[in-house]
């Protein structure tokens, strides 16, 4: 079984997407199938479900009842959710962090979002992997998710193995100091660095190299 954390941004944007039918059938619909090896993870306290319900209310207001029926189908027995315990989830205030925190508690650490632009914010450290509280998370957008869900279980597991290798890539944050120079490597940042000689300040840097 492969577990994913589904951000509510997918539900909130589906109604305006040109491929909304495909998202309903080839993404959301896959998780409602009884024998599907793919499962959506939610916290056992129901915080994610509350966020989904808010998105559903907005979707119904936009005359899109299909999302409501999807959520209802997911809740039917046997439930399609994979509920897990998440430490201190009640202390999280932002919706984005709720999904990051839940995802960080899963084995597969796969986060599904509508698009990457809303999740970059300088967080990606390798390809489409981000770090949350020292835990690496792989981020998939709607199109990447549909491509993955279309594979056989064995093919999906192999693809997951490649993702896991990406998550193991080290975060490079190295700065080397030469005479009268500072060199930043591996995408690291230099902020307010000062080069001094005989106790006198010569230059100040505040840029990224």
N, C-alpha and C. Protein backbone atom coordinates (compact mmCIF):
# COMPACT_ATOMS: atom_id res chain seq x y z
N UNK A 1 0.84 -1.20 0.00
CA UNK A 1 0.00 0.00 0.00
C UNK A 1 0.88 1.25 0.00
N UNK A 2 0.52 2.21 -0.84
CA UNK A 2 1.23 3.48 -0.91
C UNK A 2 0.33 4.57 -0.35
N UNK A 3 0.86 5.33 0.58
CA UNK A 3 0.05 6.36 1.25
C UNK A 3 0.48 7.76 0.82
N UNK A 4 -0.50 8.63 0.63
CA UNK A 4 -0.29 10.00 0.21
C UNK A 4 -1.01 10.95 1.17
N UNK A 5 -0.50 12.17 1.24
CA UNK A 5 -1.22 13.24 1.93
C UNK A 5 -1.73 14.20 0.86
N UNK A 6 -3.03 14.41 0.81
CA UNK A 6 -3.65 15.23 -0.23
C UNK A 6 -3.96 16.62 0.32
N UNK A 7 -3.32 17.63 -0.24
CA UNK A 7 -3.59 19.01 0.18
C UNK A 7 -4.96 19.46 -0.32
N UNK A 8 -5.60 20.30 0.46
CA UNK A 8 -6.93 20.79 0.07
C UNK A 8 -6.87 21.70 -1.15
N UNK A 9 -5.67 22.17 -1.53
CA UNK A 9 -5.57 23.05 -2.70
C UNK A 9 -6.01 22.32 -3.97
N UNK A 10 -5.91 20.98 -3.98
CA UNK A 10 -6.39 20.22 -5.12
C UNK A 10 -7.91 20.35 -5.23
N UNK A 11 -8.59 20.23 -4.11
CA UNK A 11 -10.05 20.33 -4.10
C UNK A 11 -10.51 21.75 -4.41
N UNK A 12 -9.78 22.73 -3.93
CA UNK A 12 -10.19 24.12 -4.09
C UNK A 12 -10.01 24.62 -5.53
N UNK A 13 -9.13 23.99 -6.27
CA UNK A 13 -8.83 24.47 -7.63
C UNK A 13 -9.40 23.62 -8.74
N UNK A 14 -9.96 22.48 -8.40
CA UNK A 14 -10.40 21.54 -9.43
C UNK A 14 -11.48 22.13 -10.33
N UNK A 15 -12.34 22.96 -9.79
CA UNK A 15 -13.48 23.45 -10.55
C UNK A 15 -13.09 24.36 -11.70
N UNK A 16 -11.91 24.98 -11.60
CA UNK A 16 -11.45 25.90 -12.64
C UNK A 16 -10.42 25.26 -13.56
N UNK A 17 -10.11 24.00 -13.33
CA UNK A 17 -9.09 23.32 -14.14
C UNK A 17 -9.70 22.80 -15.43
N UNK A 18 -8.96 22.92 -16.53
CA UNK A 18 -9.45 22.43 -17.82
C UNK A 18 -9.56 20.91 -17.85
N UNK A 19 -8.86 20.25 -16.93
CA UNK A 19 -8.90 18.79 -16.85
C UNK A 19 -9.63 18.33 -15.58
N UNK A 20 -10.66 19.06 -15.19
CA UNK A 20 -11.32 18.73 -13.93
C UNK A 20 -11.94 17.33 -13.95
N UNK A 21 -12.41 16.89 -15.11
CA UNK A 21 -12.96 15.53 -15.20
C UNK A 21 -11.88 14.50 -14.92
N UNK A 22 -10.70 14.69 -15.54
CA UNK A 22 -9.60 13.76 -15.32
C UNK A 22 -9.14 13.76 -13.86
N UNK A 23 -9.12 14.94 -13.25
CA UNK A 23 -8.71 15.00 -11.84
C UNK A 23 -9.69 14.23 -10.96
N UNK A 24 -10.98 14.33 -11.29
CA UNK A 24 -11.99 13.61 -10.50
C UNK A 24 -11.86 12.09 -10.68
N UNK A 25 -11.63 11.66 -11.92
CA UNK A 25 -11.62 10.21 -12.19
C UNK A 25 -10.25 9.58 -12.00
N UNK A 26 -9.19 10.25 -12.51
CA UNK A 26 -7.86 9.64 -12.53
C UNK A 26 -7.01 9.99 -11.33
N UNK A 27 -7.48 10.91 -10.51
CA UNK A 27 -6.75 11.25 -9.28
C UNK A 27 -7.63 10.92 -8.07
N UNK A 28 -8.65 11.72 -7.84
CA UNK A 28 -9.49 11.50 -6.66
C UNK A 28 -10.20 10.15 -6.71
N UNK A 29 -10.70 9.79 -7.89
CA UNK A 29 -11.47 8.56 -8.02
C UNK A 29 -10.67 7.30 -7.72
N UNK A 30 -9.37 7.33 -7.96
CA UNK A 30 -8.53 6.16 -7.70
C UNK A 30 -8.58 5.77 -6.22
N UNK A 31 -8.66 6.77 -5.35
CA UNK A 31 -8.63 6.49 -3.91
C UNK A 31 -9.95 5.91 -3.40
N UNK A 32 -11.00 5.99 -4.19
CA UNK A 32 -12.29 5.43 -3.76
C UNK A 32 -12.43 3.96 -4.15
N UNK A 33 -11.53 3.46 -4.97
CA UNK A 33 -11.61 2.08 -5.43
C UNK A 33 -11.24 1.13 -4.30
N UNK A 34 -12.06 0.11 -4.11
CA UNK A 34 -11.90 -0.78 -2.96
C UNK A 34 -10.56 -1.50 -2.95
N UNK A 35 -10.06 -1.89 -4.11
CA UNK A 35 -8.83 -2.67 -4.17
C UNK A 35 -7.62 -1.83 -4.58
N UNK A 36 -7.76 -0.55 -4.54
CA UNK A 36 -6.65 0.31 -4.92
C UNK A 36 -5.53 0.22 -3.88
N UNK A 37 -4.27 0.10 -4.33
CA UNK A 37 -3.15 0.08 -3.39
C UNK A 37 -2.78 1.47 -2.89
N UNK A 38 -3.46 2.49 -3.41
CA UNK A 38 -3.17 3.88 -3.06
C UNK A 38 -4.18 4.37 -2.01
N UNK A 39 -3.67 4.96 -0.95
CA UNK A 39 -4.52 5.44 0.13
C UNK A 39 -4.18 6.88 0.49
N UNK A 40 -5.18 7.64 0.91
CA UNK A 40 -4.97 8.99 1.42
C UNK A 40 -4.90 8.93 2.94
N UNK A 41 -3.88 9.56 3.48
CA UNK A 41 -3.67 9.58 4.92
C UNK A 41 -4.36 10.80 5.52
N UNK A 42 -5.00 10.59 6.66
CA UNK A 42 -5.58 11.70 7.44
C UNK A 42 -5.18 11.50 8.89
N UNK A 43 -5.19 12.59 9.64
CA UNK A 43 -4.89 12.47 11.06
C UNK A 43 -6.10 11.90 11.78
N UNK A 44 -5.84 11.15 12.83
CA UNK A 44 -6.92 10.47 13.54
C UNK A 44 -7.85 11.45 14.26
N UNK A 45 -7.36 12.67 14.53
CA UNK A 45 -8.21 13.65 15.20
C UNK A 45 -9.22 14.30 14.25
N UNK A 46 -9.04 14.13 12.95
CA UNK A 46 -9.99 14.66 11.97
C UNK A 46 -9.73 16.08 11.51
N UNK A 47 -8.55 16.60 11.80
CA UNK A 47 -8.26 17.99 11.41
C UNK A 47 -8.26 18.15 9.89
N UNK A 48 -7.68 17.19 9.18
CA UNK A 48 -7.66 17.26 7.72
C UNK A 48 -9.07 17.15 7.15
N UNK A 49 -9.88 16.27 7.73
CA UNK A 49 -11.26 16.12 7.27
C UNK A 49 -12.02 17.44 7.41
N UNK A 50 -11.79 18.17 8.50
CA UNK A 50 -12.42 19.47 8.69
C UNK A 50 -12.02 20.43 7.56
N UNK A 51 -10.73 20.41 7.19
CA UNK A 51 -10.25 21.28 6.12
C UNK A 51 -10.89 20.87 4.79
N UNK A 52 -11.02 19.57 4.56
CA UNK A 52 -11.68 19.10 3.34
C UNK A 52 -13.14 19.57 3.31
N UNK A 53 -13.81 19.49 4.42
CA UNK A 53 -15.21 19.91 4.48
C UNK A 53 -15.36 21.39 4.13
N UNK A 54 -14.42 22.21 4.58
CA UNK A 54 -14.45 23.63 4.24
C UNK A 54 -14.31 23.81 2.72
N UNK A 55 -13.39 23.04 2.13
CA UNK A 55 -13.20 23.12 0.68
C UNK A 55 -14.44 22.63 -0.06
N UNK A 56 -15.09 21.60 0.49
CA UNK A 56 -16.30 21.06 -0.12
C UNK A 56 -17.42 22.09 -0.10
N UNK A 57 -17.58 22.78 1.01
CA UNK A 57 -18.61 23.81 1.12
C UNK A 57 -18.42 24.88 0.04
N UNK A 58 -17.17 25.25 -0.19
CA UNK A 58 -16.89 26.24 -1.22
C UNK A 58 -17.20 25.68 -2.61
N UNK A 59 -16.87 24.40 -2.82
CA UNK A 59 -17.09 23.77 -4.11
C UNK A 59 -18.58 23.68 -4.43
N UNK A 60 -19.38 23.32 -3.41
CA UNK A 60 -20.83 23.25 -3.62
C UNK A 60 -21.39 24.63 -3.94
N UNK A 61 -20.81 25.65 -3.30
CA UNK A 61 -21.23 27.01 -3.60
C UNK A 61 -20.96 27.39 -5.04
N UNK A 62 -19.97 26.71 -5.64
CA UNK A 62 -19.65 26.95 -7.05
C UNK A 62 -20.34 25.93 -7.96
N UNK A 63 -21.37 25.30 -7.43
CA UNK A 63 -22.15 24.30 -8.18
C UNK A 63 -21.28 23.13 -8.66
N UNK A 64 -20.49 22.62 -7.76
CA UNK A 64 -19.64 21.47 -8.08
C UNK A 64 -19.86 20.37 -7.04
N UNK A 65 -21.02 19.71 -7.08
CA UNK A 65 -21.34 18.69 -6.07
C UNK A 65 -20.49 17.44 -6.18
N UNK A 66 -19.75 17.27 -7.29
CA UNK A 66 -18.95 16.06 -7.48
C UNK A 66 -17.92 15.90 -6.36
N UNK A 67 -17.37 17.01 -5.87
CA UNK A 67 -16.39 16.94 -4.79
C UNK A 67 -17.05 16.46 -3.50
N UNK A 68 -18.28 16.90 -3.27
CA UNK A 68 -19.02 16.45 -2.09
C UNK A 68 -19.25 14.94 -2.15
N UNK A 69 -19.65 14.44 -3.29
CA UNK A 69 -19.89 13.01 -3.44
C UNK A 69 -18.60 12.22 -3.30
N UNK A 70 -17.49 12.80 -3.74
CA UNK A 70 -16.20 12.12 -3.57
C UNK A 70 -15.88 11.96 -2.09
N UNK A 71 -16.04 13.03 -1.33
CA UNK A 71 -15.75 12.97 0.10
C UNK A 71 -16.69 11.98 0.80
N UNK A 72 -17.94 11.97 0.39
CA UNK A 72 -18.91 11.05 0.98
C UNK A 72 -18.53 9.60 0.67
N UNK A 73 -18.10 9.35 -0.57
CA UNK A 73 -17.68 8.00 -0.96
C UNK A 73 -16.45 7.57 -0.18
N UNK A 74 -15.54 8.48 0.02
CA UNK A 74 -14.33 8.16 0.78
C UNK A 74 -14.67 7.77 2.22
N UNK A 75 -15.76 8.35 2.75
CA UNK A 75 -16.13 8.09 4.14
C UNK A 75 -16.99 6.84 4.31
N UNK A 76 -17.50 6.29 3.21
CA UNK A 76 -18.32 5.08 3.29
C UNK A 76 -17.49 3.90 3.79
N UNK A 77 -18.15 2.94 4.38
CA UNK A 77 -17.45 1.76 4.86
C UNK A 77 -17.32 0.72 3.75
N UNK A 78 -16.17 0.07 3.57
CA UNK A 78 -14.96 0.35 4.36
C UNK A 78 -14.34 1.69 3.96
N UNK A 79 -13.89 2.44 4.93
CA UNK A 79 -13.36 3.77 4.66
C UNK A 79 -12.11 3.69 3.80
N UNK A 80 -11.95 4.69 2.94
CA UNK A 80 -10.78 4.74 2.07
C UNK A 80 -9.61 5.50 2.70
N UNK A 81 -9.85 6.11 3.85
CA UNK A 81 -8.78 6.84 4.52
C UNK A 81 -7.81 5.87 5.20
N UNK A 82 -6.61 6.36 5.44
CA UNK A 82 -5.65 5.66 6.29
C UNK A 82 -5.37 6.60 7.46
N UNK A 83 -6.12 6.47 8.57
CA UNK A 83 -5.94 7.38 9.70
C UNK A 83 -4.68 7.05 10.50
N UNK A 84 -3.93 8.07 10.89
CA UNK A 84 -2.72 7.87 11.67
C UNK A 84 -2.69 8.86 12.83
N UNK A 85 -1.91 8.54 13.83
CA UNK A 85 -1.70 9.44 14.96
C UNK A 85 -0.61 10.44 14.60
N UNK A 86 -0.86 11.71 14.88
CA UNK A 86 0.10 12.76 14.60
C UNK A 86 0.31 13.57 15.88
N UNK A 87 1.54 13.62 16.33
CA UNK A 87 1.84 14.32 17.58
C UNK A 87 1.55 15.81 17.48
N UNK A 88 0.85 16.33 18.46
CA UNK A 88 0.63 17.78 18.63
C UNK A 88 0.00 18.44 17.40
N UNK A 89 -0.83 17.70 16.69
CA UNK A 89 -1.48 18.26 15.50
C UNK A 89 -2.40 19.42 15.87
N UNK A 90 -2.93 19.40 17.08
CA UNK A 90 -3.85 20.46 17.50
C UNK A 90 -3.16 21.80 17.66
N UNK A 91 -1.84 21.80 17.76
CA UNK A 91 -1.10 23.05 17.93
C UNK A 91 -0.82 23.75 16.61
N UNK A 92 -1.05 23.07 15.51
CA UNK A 92 -0.77 23.65 14.19
C UNK A 92 -1.91 24.58 13.79
N UNK A 93 -1.58 25.77 13.32
CA UNK A 93 -2.61 26.76 13.01
C UNK A 93 -2.84 26.93 11.51
N UNK A 94 -1.80 26.83 10.70
CA UNK A 94 -1.98 27.04 9.25
C UNK A 94 -2.33 25.72 8.56
N UNK A 95 -3.15 25.83 7.53
CA UNK A 95 -3.56 24.63 6.79
C UNK A 95 -2.37 23.98 6.11
N UNK A 96 -1.50 24.79 5.55
CA UNK A 96 -0.34 24.24 4.85
C UNK A 96 0.49 23.37 5.79
N UNK A 97 0.69 23.85 7.00
CA UNK A 97 1.52 23.09 7.94
C UNK A 97 0.81 21.82 8.41
N UNK A 98 -0.52 21.83 8.46
CA UNK A 98 -1.25 20.62 8.83
C UNK A 98 -0.88 19.48 7.88
N UNK A 99 -0.89 19.77 6.58
CA UNK A 99 -0.59 18.73 5.60
C UNK A 99 0.88 18.34 5.65
N UNK A 100 1.77 19.30 5.87
CA UNK A 100 3.18 18.98 5.99
C UNK A 100 3.45 18.11 7.21
N UNK A 101 2.81 18.44 8.31
CA UNK A 101 3.02 17.69 9.55
C UNK A 101 2.50 16.26 9.43
N UNK A 102 1.30 16.13 8.87
CA UNK A 102 0.74 14.78 8.69
C UNK A 102 1.62 13.98 7.74
N UNK A 103 2.03 14.60 6.64
CA UNK A 103 2.86 13.90 5.66
C UNK A 103 4.18 13.44 6.28
N UNK A 104 4.75 14.26 7.15
CA UNK A 104 6.03 13.91 7.77
C UNK A 104 5.92 12.70 8.68
N UNK A 105 4.68 12.34 9.08
CA UNK A 105 4.46 11.18 9.94
C UNK A 105 4.16 9.90 9.15
N UNK A 106 4.10 10.02 7.83
CA UNK A 106 3.81 8.84 7.01
C UNK A 106 5.10 8.14 6.60
N UNK A 107 4.97 6.90 6.18
CA UNK A 107 6.16 6.15 5.74
C UNK A 107 6.62 6.63 4.37
N UNK A 108 5.67 6.88 3.46
CA UNK A 108 6.04 7.23 2.08
C UNK A 108 6.37 8.70 1.90
N UNK A 109 5.82 9.56 2.76
CA UNK A 109 6.13 10.99 2.73
C UNK A 109 5.90 11.62 1.35
N UNK A 110 4.70 11.39 0.83
CA UNK A 110 4.30 11.90 -0.47
C UNK A 110 3.18 12.91 -0.29
N UNK A 111 3.39 14.13 -0.73
CA UNK A 111 2.41 15.20 -0.60
C UNK A 111 1.88 15.58 -1.98
N UNK A 112 0.56 15.51 -2.15
CA UNK A 112 -0.08 15.88 -3.42
C UNK A 112 -0.60 17.31 -3.33
N UNK A 113 -0.19 18.16 -4.27
CA UNK A 113 -0.65 19.54 -4.31
C UNK A 113 -1.22 19.82 -5.70
N UNK A 114 -1.90 20.93 -5.83
CA UNK A 114 -2.47 21.29 -7.13
C UNK A 114 -1.37 21.69 -8.11
N UNK A 115 -0.49 22.60 -7.70
CA UNK A 115 0.66 22.95 -8.51
C UNK A 115 1.82 23.32 -7.61
N UNK A 116 3.01 23.29 -8.15
CA UNK A 116 4.21 23.51 -7.34
C UNK A 116 4.41 24.97 -6.96
N UNK A 117 3.91 25.88 -7.76
CA UNK A 117 4.18 27.29 -7.51
C UNK A 117 3.74 27.75 -6.13
N UNK A 118 2.64 27.19 -5.66
CA UNK A 118 2.16 27.60 -4.34
C UNK A 118 2.90 26.97 -3.18
N UNK A 119 3.80 26.04 -3.50
CA UNK A 119 4.50 25.33 -2.42
C UNK A 119 6.00 25.55 -2.42
N UNK A 120 6.53 26.22 -3.42
CA UNK A 120 7.98 26.37 -3.47
C UNK A 120 8.45 27.26 -2.33
N UNK A 121 8.21 28.53 -2.42
CA UNK A 121 8.54 29.48 -1.36
C UNK A 121 9.96 29.26 -0.81
N UNK A 122 10.87 28.88 -1.70
CA UNK A 122 12.24 28.66 -1.28
C UNK A 122 12.47 27.41 -0.48
N UNK A 123 11.48 26.50 -0.45
CA UNK A 123 11.61 25.32 0.40
C UNK A 123 12.24 24.13 -0.31
N UNK A 124 12.15 24.08 -1.64
CA UNK A 124 12.65 22.90 -2.33
C UNK A 124 14.18 22.87 -2.27
N UNK A 125 14.74 21.75 -1.85
CA UNK A 125 16.18 21.65 -1.76
C UNK A 125 16.76 20.73 -2.83
N UNK A 126 15.94 19.83 -3.40
CA UNK A 126 16.41 18.96 -4.47
C UNK A 126 15.21 18.55 -5.30
N UNK A 127 15.25 18.87 -6.60
CA UNK A 127 14.13 18.60 -7.48
C UNK A 127 12.86 19.12 -6.81
N UNK A 128 11.91 18.22 -6.48
CA UNK A 128 10.67 18.66 -5.86
C UNK A 128 10.53 18.04 -4.48
N UNK A 129 11.58 18.18 -3.73
CA UNK A 129 11.61 17.69 -2.35
C UNK A 129 11.81 18.88 -1.42
N UNK A 130 11.09 18.86 -0.32
CA UNK A 130 11.25 19.93 0.66
C UNK A 130 11.51 19.33 2.04
N UNK A 131 11.99 20.17 2.94
CA UNK A 131 12.32 19.73 4.28
C UNK A 131 11.35 20.37 5.27
N UNK A 132 10.73 19.52 6.10
CA UNK A 132 9.85 20.03 7.15
C UNK A 132 10.28 19.41 8.47
N UNK A 133 10.82 20.25 9.35
CA UNK A 133 11.27 19.79 10.67
C UNK A 133 12.18 18.57 10.55
N UNK A 134 13.19 18.71 9.69
CA UNK A 134 14.21 17.69 9.49
C UNK A 134 13.68 16.41 8.84
N UNK A 135 12.53 16.49 8.20
CA UNK A 135 11.95 15.34 7.49
C UNK A 135 11.80 15.72 6.02
N UNK A 136 12.33 14.89 5.13
CA UNK A 136 12.23 15.15 3.69
C UNK A 136 10.88 14.68 3.16
N UNK A 137 10.25 15.53 2.36
CA UNK A 137 8.94 15.24 1.79
C UNK A 137 9.00 15.44 0.28
N UNK A 138 8.43 14.49 -0.44
CA UNK A 138 8.35 14.58 -1.90
C UNK A 138 7.01 15.21 -2.28
N UNK A 139 7.04 16.22 -3.14
CA UNK A 139 5.83 16.93 -3.54
C UNK A 139 5.48 16.58 -4.99
N UNK A 140 4.24 16.18 -5.22
CA UNK A 140 3.74 15.88 -6.56
C UNK A 140 2.59 16.82 -6.88
N UNK A 141 2.57 17.37 -8.10
CA UNK A 141 1.41 18.16 -8.49
C UNK A 141 0.35 17.23 -9.08
N UNK A 142 -0.76 17.80 -9.51
CA UNK A 142 -1.89 16.99 -9.96
C UNK A 142 -1.54 16.10 -11.15
N UNK A 143 -0.76 16.63 -12.10
CA UNK A 143 -0.40 15.87 -13.29
C UNK A 143 0.57 14.74 -12.97
N UNK A 144 1.55 15.02 -12.13
CA UNK A 144 2.49 13.99 -11.72
C UNK A 144 1.78 12.89 -10.94
N UNK A 145 0.81 13.28 -10.14
CA UNK A 145 0.06 12.29 -9.35
C UNK A 145 -0.75 11.39 -10.26
N UNK A 146 -1.44 11.97 -11.24
CA UNK A 146 -2.24 11.15 -12.15
C UNK A 146 -1.36 10.18 -12.92
N UNK A 147 -0.16 10.61 -13.30
CA UNK A 147 0.76 9.73 -14.01
C UNK A 147 1.19 8.57 -13.12
N UNK A 148 1.44 8.85 -11.86
CA UNK A 148 1.85 7.80 -10.92
C UNK A 148 0.72 6.83 -10.64
N UNK A 149 -0.49 7.36 -10.45
CA UNK A 149 -1.63 6.51 -10.14
C UNK A 149 -2.05 5.64 -11.31
N UNK A 150 -1.64 6.00 -12.51
CA UNK A 150 -2.00 5.21 -13.69
C UNK A 150 -1.13 3.98 -13.85
N UNK A 151 -0.04 3.89 -13.11
CA UNK A 151 0.88 2.76 -13.21
C UNK A 151 0.34 1.55 -12.46
N UNK A 152 0.87 0.39 -12.79
CA UNK A 152 0.55 -0.80 -12.00
C UNK A 152 1.17 -0.65 -10.62
N UNK A 153 0.76 -1.48 -9.68
CA UNK A 153 1.30 -1.35 -8.33
C UNK A 153 2.81 -1.54 -8.31
N UNK A 154 3.31 -2.52 -9.04
CA UNK A 154 4.76 -2.76 -9.07
C UNK A 154 5.49 -1.58 -9.69
N UNK A 155 4.94 -1.03 -10.77
CA UNK A 155 5.58 0.13 -11.40
C UNK A 155 5.57 1.34 -10.47
N UNK A 156 4.46 1.52 -9.77
CA UNK A 156 4.36 2.64 -8.83
C UNK A 156 5.36 2.49 -7.70
N UNK A 157 5.54 1.27 -7.21
CA UNK A 157 6.51 1.02 -6.13
C UNK A 157 7.92 1.32 -6.62
N UNK A 158 8.23 0.93 -7.86
CA UNK A 158 9.55 1.24 -8.41
C UNK A 158 9.77 2.74 -8.54
N UNK A 159 8.72 3.46 -8.96
CA UNK A 159 8.82 4.90 -9.05
C UNK A 159 9.01 5.52 -7.68
N UNK A 160 8.33 4.95 -6.70
CA UNK A 160 8.48 5.41 -5.32
C UNK A 160 9.92 5.24 -4.84
N UNK A 161 10.55 4.15 -5.26
CA UNK A 161 11.94 3.91 -4.88
C UNK A 161 12.83 5.01 -5.42
N UNK A 162 12.56 5.47 -6.64
CA UNK A 162 13.33 6.58 -7.20
C UNK A 162 13.10 7.87 -6.42
N UNK A 163 11.86 8.08 -5.98
CA UNK A 163 11.57 9.25 -5.17
C UNK A 163 12.32 9.20 -3.85
N UNK A 164 12.37 8.00 -3.26
CA UNK A 164 13.07 7.86 -1.98
C UNK A 164 14.55 8.18 -2.13
N UNK A 165 15.14 7.82 -3.26
CA UNK A 165 16.54 8.16 -3.49
C UNK A 165 16.72 9.67 -3.58
N UNK A 166 15.74 10.36 -4.18
CA UNK A 166 15.80 11.82 -4.23
C UNK A 166 15.76 12.41 -2.83
N UNK A 167 14.91 11.84 -1.97
CA UNK A 167 14.77 12.37 -0.62
C UNK A 167 16.04 12.20 0.19
N UNK A 168 16.89 11.28 -0.23
CA UNK A 168 18.13 11.01 0.51
C UNK A 168 19.27 11.91 0.07
N UNK A 169 19.02 12.75 -0.95
CA UNK A 169 20.06 13.67 -1.39
C UNK A 169 20.40 14.64 -0.26
N UNK A 170 21.68 14.83 0.00
CA UNK A 170 22.05 15.73 1.11
C UNK A 170 21.78 17.19 0.78
N UNK A 171 21.50 17.95 1.80
CA UNK A 171 21.35 19.40 1.64
C UNK A 171 22.73 20.03 1.83
N UNK A 172 23.23 20.64 0.77
CA UNK A 172 24.56 21.22 0.82
C UNK A 172 24.47 22.66 1.29
N UNK A 173 25.21 22.98 2.30
CA UNK A 173 25.21 24.35 2.81
C UNK A 173 26.63 24.66 3.26
N UNK A 174 27.46 24.95 2.29
CA UNK A 174 28.89 25.06 2.56
C UNK A 174 29.40 26.40 2.06
N UNK A 175 30.15 27.08 2.89
CA UNK A 175 30.76 28.34 2.52
C UNK A 175 32.26 28.25 2.76
N UNK A 176 33.06 28.56 1.76
CA UNK A 176 34.51 28.48 1.86
C UNK A 176 35.07 29.90 1.82
N UNK A 177 35.98 30.20 2.71
CA UNK A 177 36.58 31.52 2.80
C UNK A 177 38.02 31.45 2.28
N UNK A 178 38.33 32.27 1.28
CA UNK A 178 39.68 32.41 0.78
C UNK A 178 40.19 33.79 1.20
N UNK A 179 41.44 34.08 0.87
CA UNK A 179 41.97 35.41 1.18
C UNK A 179 41.16 36.47 0.46
N UNK A 180 40.58 37.37 1.20
CA UNK A 180 39.82 38.51 0.69
C UNK A 180 38.57 38.10 -0.09
N UNK A 181 38.14 36.83 0.02
CA UNK A 181 36.98 36.37 -0.75
C UNK A 181 36.14 35.41 0.06
N UNK A 182 34.86 35.35 -0.30
CA UNK A 182 33.95 34.36 0.25
C UNK A 182 33.25 33.68 -0.91
N UNK A 183 33.27 32.35 -0.95
CA UNK A 183 32.66 31.58 -2.02
C UNK A 183 31.59 30.68 -1.43
N UNK A 184 30.39 30.77 -1.97
CA UNK A 184 29.29 29.92 -1.51
C UNK A 184 29.08 28.80 -2.50
N UNK A 185 28.92 27.56 -2.00
CA UNK A 185 28.76 26.41 -2.87
C UNK A 185 27.43 25.72 -2.63
N UNK A 186 26.99 24.97 -3.65
CA UNK A 186 25.81 24.12 -3.51
C UNK A 186 24.52 24.87 -3.25
N UNK A 187 24.44 26.12 -3.70
CA UNK A 187 23.20 26.87 -3.52
C UNK A 187 23.05 27.47 -2.14
N UNK A 188 24.11 27.47 -1.34
CA UNK A 188 24.00 28.06 -0.01
C UNK A 188 23.98 29.57 -0.13
N UNK A 189 23.61 30.23 0.96
CA UNK A 189 23.44 31.68 0.96
C UNK A 189 24.54 32.38 1.73
N UNK A 190 24.84 33.59 1.31
CA UNK A 190 25.74 34.46 2.06
C UNK A 190 24.97 35.72 2.43
N UNK A 191 24.92 36.00 3.71
CA UNK A 191 24.18 37.17 4.17
C UNK A 191 25.05 37.97 5.13
N UNK A 192 25.21 39.24 4.84
CA UNK A 192 25.90 40.16 5.74
C UNK A 192 27.29 39.65 6.14
N UNK A 193 28.00 39.04 5.21
CA UNK A 193 29.36 38.58 5.48
C UNK A 193 30.32 39.76 5.42
N UNK A 194 31.34 39.75 6.27
CA UNK A 194 32.30 40.84 6.33
C UNK A 194 33.72 40.31 6.16
N UNK A 195 34.48 40.95 5.30
CA UNK A 195 35.88 40.61 5.13
C UNK A 195 36.70 41.68 5.83
N UNK A 196 37.54 41.26 6.73
CA UNK A 196 38.34 42.21 7.48
C UNK A 196 39.82 41.89 7.34
N UNK A 197 40.63 42.88 7.48
CA UNK A 197 42.08 42.72 7.43
C UNK A 197 42.68 43.68 8.43
N UNK A 198 43.48 43.14 9.35
CA UNK A 198 44.09 43.97 10.40
C UNK A 198 43.03 44.72 11.19
N UNK A 199 41.88 44.06 11.39
CA UNK A 199 40.84 44.65 12.21
C UNK A 199 40.01 45.68 11.51
N UNK A 200 40.22 45.91 10.19
CA UNK A 200 39.47 46.91 9.45
C UNK A 200 38.49 46.24 8.50
N UNK A 201 37.28 46.72 8.48
CA UNK A 201 36.26 46.18 7.58
C UNK A 201 36.45 46.76 6.19
N UNK A 202 36.47 45.85 5.17
CA UNK A 202 36.66 46.31 3.80
C UNK A 202 35.37 46.25 2.98
N UNK A 203 34.59 45.14 3.11
CA UNK A 203 33.41 45.00 2.27
C UNK A 203 32.31 44.29 3.07
N UNK A 204 31.10 44.50 2.61
CA UNK A 204 29.95 43.82 3.22
C UNK A 204 29.07 43.26 2.10
N UNK A 205 28.68 41.97 2.24
CA UNK A 205 27.90 41.31 1.20
C UNK A 205 26.54 40.94 1.76
N UNK A 206 25.53 41.08 0.95
CA UNK A 206 24.19 40.65 1.38
C UNK A 206 23.42 40.02 0.23
N UNK A 207 24.11 39.34 -0.65
CA UNK A 207 23.47 38.78 -1.83
C UNK A 207 23.64 37.27 -1.87
N UNK A 208 22.99 36.65 -2.85
CA UNK A 208 23.07 35.21 -3.02
C UNK A 208 23.92 34.90 -4.23
N UNK A 209 24.79 33.87 -4.09
CA UNK A 209 25.70 33.51 -5.19
C UNK A 209 25.42 32.10 -5.62
